[in-house]
Amino acid sequence: MNQPRLIGTLAPRDPEGIVLVLHGGTAREGRPMVSPTQLSVLRMIPIARRIARTGGGRLAVFRLLNSRRGWDDQHTPVDDATWALERVRERYGDRPVSLVGHSLGGRAALLAGAGESVRSVVALNPWVYPDETIELGGHPTLVVHGLADRVALPERSAALARRLAQTTDVGYIAIPGATHAMLRHGRRFESYATEFVTATLLGRAGLALSEPVAAVLDGAAFVDG
């Protein structure tokens, strides 16, 4: 099996926080390996770049390239996310980490969200089960879901968010008309993820926040985006 890889978008020597960006992508028969050129991987590049730019050199931003496509019971993207958390801990010590994932990467981010170094979690159009066992350790979490997503159903992530909100600060932003690939209204996904991780890792001072993210950070549970 191939090893996962970390691809640096911005890697300052002494960052205040670290962001790990996790891609999605289903398994394909005869094509189990992840390619850096597959669309689900490429879609996360502008998100990683926007976070790096907004962080102004105070955040290290890495994209994780999984060891395999899809979700295999023997080795899942959660294993790769855990591997990535260990690598950045070795490199940077006990710096706070934010996990940002799309689709199955969103599910992996939620499942890895209780990690000791994790400060916050963002799940974009996450493919989840509403009754899935997820422990977030109280870490602030944002779920952003397009209401026109027919791959990962927003009803499932909304049900999960309601249940998780009983023990964790979870905010849910629904984007009408947005589909799974995050191409339609893509800038909203990018900006909401960027604002949330920057605010939770660096603080809100001097940060221009959209109304939906500001509402979530102020305690709103469900917001239209």
Protein backbone atom coordinates (compact mmCIF):
# COMPACT_ATOMS: atom_id res chain seq x y z
CA MET A 1 0.00 0.00 0.00
CA ASN A 2 1.22 3.49 -0.81
CA GLN A 3 2.12 5.84 2.01
CA PRO A 4 0.09 9.00 2.60
CA ARG A 5 1.82 12.28 1.77
CA LEU A 6 1.76 15.79 3.13
CA ILE A 7 1.95 18.55 0.53
CA GLY A 8 2.90 21.92 1.94
CA THR A 9 0.96 24.97 0.80
CA LEU A 10 2.75 27.16 3.34
CA ALA A 11 5.23 25.89 5.92
CA PRO A 12 6.66 28.69 8.09
CA ARG A 13 9.31 27.70 10.59
CA ASP A 14 7.40 28.81 13.69
CA PRO A 15 3.65 28.94 13.00
CA GLU A 16 1.03 29.69 15.63
CA GLY A 17 -1.22 26.95 14.27
CA ILE A 18 -1.47 24.26 11.64
CA VAL A 19 -4.22 23.42 9.15
CA LEU A 20 -4.57 19.98 7.58
CA VAL A 21 -6.74 19.89 4.44
CA LEU A 22 -8.29 16.48 3.67
CA HIS A 23 -9.64 15.55 0.24
CA GLY A 24 -12.54 13.27 -0.65
CA GLY A 25 -12.93 10.81 -3.49
CA THR A 26 -14.61 7.43 -3.81
CA ALA A 27 -12.94 4.13 -4.63
CA ARG A 28 -12.79 3.19 -8.32
CA GLU A 29 -12.49 -0.39 -9.53
CA GLY A 30 -8.97 -0.98 -10.79
CA ARG A 31 -7.83 2.46 -9.57
CA PRO A 32 -7.29 2.15 -5.81
CA MET A 33 -4.43 4.64 -5.60
CA VAL A 34 -4.86 8.38 -5.11
CA SER A 35 -3.58 10.62 -7.88
CA PRO A 36 -2.55 14.25 -7.21
CA THR A 37 -4.51 15.14 -10.35
CA GLN A 38 -7.86 13.62 -9.42
CA LEU A 39 -10.60 16.22 -9.18
CA SER A 40 -11.40 15.66 -5.51
CA VAL A 41 -7.75 16.37 -4.68
CA LEU A 42 -7.46 19.40 -6.94
CA ARG A 43 -10.63 20.91 -5.49
CA MET A 44 -8.92 21.41 -2.14
CA ILE A 45 -6.02 23.46 -3.53
CA PRO A 46 -7.85 26.82 -3.60
CA ILE A 47 -9.14 26.21 -0.07
CA ALA A 48 -5.62 25.51 1.19
CA ARG A 49 -4.25 28.58 -0.62
CA ARG A 50 -6.96 30.85 0.73
CA ILE A 51 -6.32 29.71 4.29
CA ALA A 52 -2.58 30.24 3.84
CA ARG A 53 -3.11 33.72 2.41
CA THR A 54 -5.53 34.77 5.13
CA GLY A 55 -3.27 33.38 7.85
CA GLY A 56 -0.59 35.86 6.79
CA GLY A 57 2.32 33.53 7.52
CA ARG A 58 1.05 32.68 11.01
CA LEU A 59 -0.42 29.33 9.91
CA ALA A 60 1.23 26.28 8.38
CA VAL A 61 -1.08 24.72 5.80
CA PHE A 62 -0.69 21.21 4.44
CA ARG A 63 -2.81 19.10 2.10
CA LEU A 64 -2.98 15.39 2.90
CA LEU A 65 -2.79 12.97 -0.01
CA ASN A 66 -4.37 9.73 1.21
CA SER A 67 -2.76 6.34 0.77
CA ARG A 68 -5.84 4.93 -0.97
CA ARG A 69 -9.02 6.12 -2.64
CA GLY A 70 -12.33 5.82 -0.87
CA TRP A 71 -13.05 4.14 2.46
CA ASP A 72 -11.65 0.68 3.13
CA ASP A 73 -12.53 -0.99 6.42
CA GLN A 74 -8.94 -2.22 6.68
CA HIS A 75 -7.44 1.26 6.27
CA THR A 76 -9.54 4.41 6.20
CA PRO A 77 -8.83 8.12 5.62
CA VAL A 78 -9.02 8.47 9.41
CA ASP A 79 -5.82 6.43 9.64
CA ASP A 80 -4.17 8.80 7.17
CA ALA A 81 -5.42 11.86 9.09
CA THR A 82 -4.01 10.38 12.31
CA TRP A 83 -0.70 9.79 10.53
CA ALA A 84 -0.70 13.43 9.38
CA LEU A 85 -1.40 14.71 12.90
CA GLU A 86 1.57 12.71 14.15
CA ARG A 87 3.85 14.11 11.43
CA VAL A 88 2.99 17.76 12.14
CA ARG A 89 3.37 17.14 15.86
CA GLU A 90 6.86 15.77 15.24
CA ARG A 91 7.70 18.84 13.18
CA TYR A 92 6.03 21.61 15.16
CA GLY A 93 5.37 20.23 18.64
CA ASP A 94 2.15 20.97 20.48
CA ARG A 95 0.77 23.60 18.11
CA PRO A 96 -3.02 23.64 17.69
CA VAL A 97 -4.35 22.01 14.53
CA SER A 98 -7.51 22.58 12.52
CA LEU A 99 -8.84 19.83 10.25
CA VAL A 100 -10.68 20.82 7.05
CA GLY A 101 -12.18 18.01 4.97
CA HIS A 102 -14.54 17.56 2.03
CA SER A 103 -16.88 14.59 1.46
CA LEU A 104 -15.16 11.49 2.86
CA GLY A 105 -12.42 13.86 3.99
CA GLY A 106 -15.08 15.67 5.99
CA ARG A 107 -16.08 12.41 7.61
CA ALA A 108 -12.42 11.70 8.38
CA ALA A 109 -12.00 15.16 9.90
CA LEU A 110 -14.99 14.60 12.18
CA LEU A 111 -13.81 11.14 13.23
CA ALA A 112 -10.27 12.40 13.90
CA GLY A 113 -11.55 15.56 15.57
CA ALA A 114 -11.01 14.39 19.14
CA GLY A 115 -7.24 14.28 18.62
CA GLU A 116 -5.23 15.84 21.43
CA SER A 117 -3.73 18.56 19.23
CA VAL A 118 -6.96 19.37 17.36
CA ARG A 119 -8.39 22.82 18.06
CA SER A 120 -11.25 22.88 15.53
CA VAL A 121 -12.87 20.95 12.68
CA VAL A 122 -14.52 21.97 9.39
CA ALA A 123 -16.52 19.41 7.39
CA LEU A 124 -17.58 20.48 3.88
CA ASN A 125 -20.39 18.42 2.31
CA PRO A 126 -19.38 15.52 4.57
CA TRP A 127 -20.45 12.01 3.65
CA VAL A 128 -21.66 10.71 7.02
CA TYR A 129 -24.15 8.47 8.75
CA PRO A 130 -26.52 10.45 11.00
CA ASP A 131 -26.12 7.92 13.82
CA GLU A 132 -22.34 7.60 13.47
CA THR A 133 -20.34 7.45 16.68
CA ILE A 134 -18.23 10.62 16.69
CA GLU A 135 -16.47 12.18 19.66
CA LEU A 136 -15.12 15.67 19.08
CA GLY A 137 -13.71 16.30 22.52
CA GLY A 138 -15.53 19.62 22.75
CA HIS A 139 -13.58 21.10 19.85
CA PRO A 140 -15.48 23.82 17.92
CA THR A 141 -16.85 22.34 14.71
CA LEU A 142 -18.37 23.79 11.55
CA VAL A 143 -20.37 21.79 9.02
CA VAL A 144 -21.09 23.46 5.66
CA HIS A 145 -23.45 21.62 3.33
CA GLY A 146 -24.98 22.41 -0.04
CA LEU A 147 -28.69 21.74 -0.07
CA ALA A 148 -28.54 20.45 -3.68
CA ASP A 149 -25.93 17.79 -2.78
CA ARG A 150 -27.19 14.42 -4.07
CA VAL A 151 -24.01 12.48 -3.23
CA ALA A 152 -23.66 13.23 0.47
CA LEU A 153 -27.14 14.05 1.67
CA PRO A 154 -27.42 17.25 3.71
CA GLU A 155 -30.22 15.70 5.77
CA ARG A 156 -27.72 13.20 7.15
CA SER A 157 -25.14 15.79 8.16
CA ALA A 158 -27.84 18.01 9.68
CA ALA A 159 -29.10 15.12 11.81
CA LEU A 160 -25.54 14.36 12.90
CA ALA A 161 -24.90 18.03 13.74
CA ARG A 162 -28.01 18.16 15.91
CA ARG A 163 -26.86 15.15 17.86
CA LEU A 164 -23.26 16.36 18.21
CA ALA A 165 -24.46 19.78 19.38
CA GLN A 166 -25.53 18.14 22.65
CA THR A 167 -21.88 17.79 23.68
CA THR A 168 -19.88 20.08 21.34
CA ASP A 169 -20.08 23.58 19.90
CA VAL A 170 -21.29 22.67 16.41
CA GLY A 171 -22.48 25.17 13.81
CA TYR A 172 -24.19 24.21 10.56
CA ILE A 173 -24.28 26.48 7.49
CA ALA A 174 -26.65 25.41 4.71
CA ILE A 175 -25.97 26.76 1.21
CA PRO A 176 -29.05 26.66 -1.06
CA GLY A 177 -28.33 25.42 -4.60
CA ALA A 178 -24.81 24.18 -3.86
CA THR A 179 -23.88 20.67 -5.05
CA HIS A 180 -21.38 18.10 -3.85
CA ALA A 181 -18.35 19.20 -5.86
CA MET A 182 -18.46 22.70 -4.33
CA LEU A 183 -18.13 24.29 -7.77
CA ARG A 184 -21.40 26.17 -7.59
CA HIS A 185 -21.08 28.76 -4.80
CA GLY A 186 -17.54 27.49 -4.32
CA ARG A 187 -16.26 30.74 -2.87
CA ARG A 188 -18.70 30.44 -0.01
CA PHE A 189 -17.30 27.06 0.99
CA GLU A 190 -13.77 28.44 0.74
CA SER A 191 -14.45 31.61 2.70
CA TYR A 192 -16.48 29.94 5.46
CA ALA A 193 -13.79 27.30 6.03
CA THR A 194 -11.05 29.92 5.98
CA GLU A 195 -12.79 32.27 8.38
CA PHE A 196 -13.61 29.52 10.87
CA VAL A 197 -10.15 27.97 11.08
CA THR A 198 -8.44 31.36 11.20
CA ALA A 199 -10.73 32.57 13.98
CA THR A 200 -10.37 29.39 16.03
CA LEU A 201 -6.60 29.18 15.63
CA LEU A 202 -5.61 32.87 15.71
CA GLY A 203 -8.59 34.67 17.22
CA ARG A 204 -11.18 37.00 15.74
CA ALA A 205 -9.34 40.30 16.24
CA GLY A 206 -8.92 42.10 12.92
CA LEU A 207 -10.57 39.28 10.96
CA ALA A 208 -13.38 40.18 8.55
CA LEU A 209 -16.10 37.59 9.11
CA SER A 210 -19.14 36.81 7.00
CA GLU A 211 -22.50 36.92 8.76
CA PRO A 212 -22.95 33.10 8.76
CA VAL A 213 -19.54 32.37 10.31
CA ALA A 214 -19.87 35.20 12.83
CA ALA A 215 -23.25 33.80 13.85
CA VAL A 216 -21.80 30.30 14.31
CA LEU A 217 -18.89 31.63 16.38
CA ASP A 218 -21.42 33.51 18.50
CA GLY A 219 -23.27 30.27 19.22
CA ALA A 220 -25.85 29.87 16.43
CA ALA A 221 -26.51 26.22 15.61
CA PHE A 222 -28.12 26.42 12.14
CA VAL A 223 -27.53 29.27 9.69
CA ASP A 224 -28.37 29.85 6.03
CA GLY A 225 -25.35 30.70 3.92
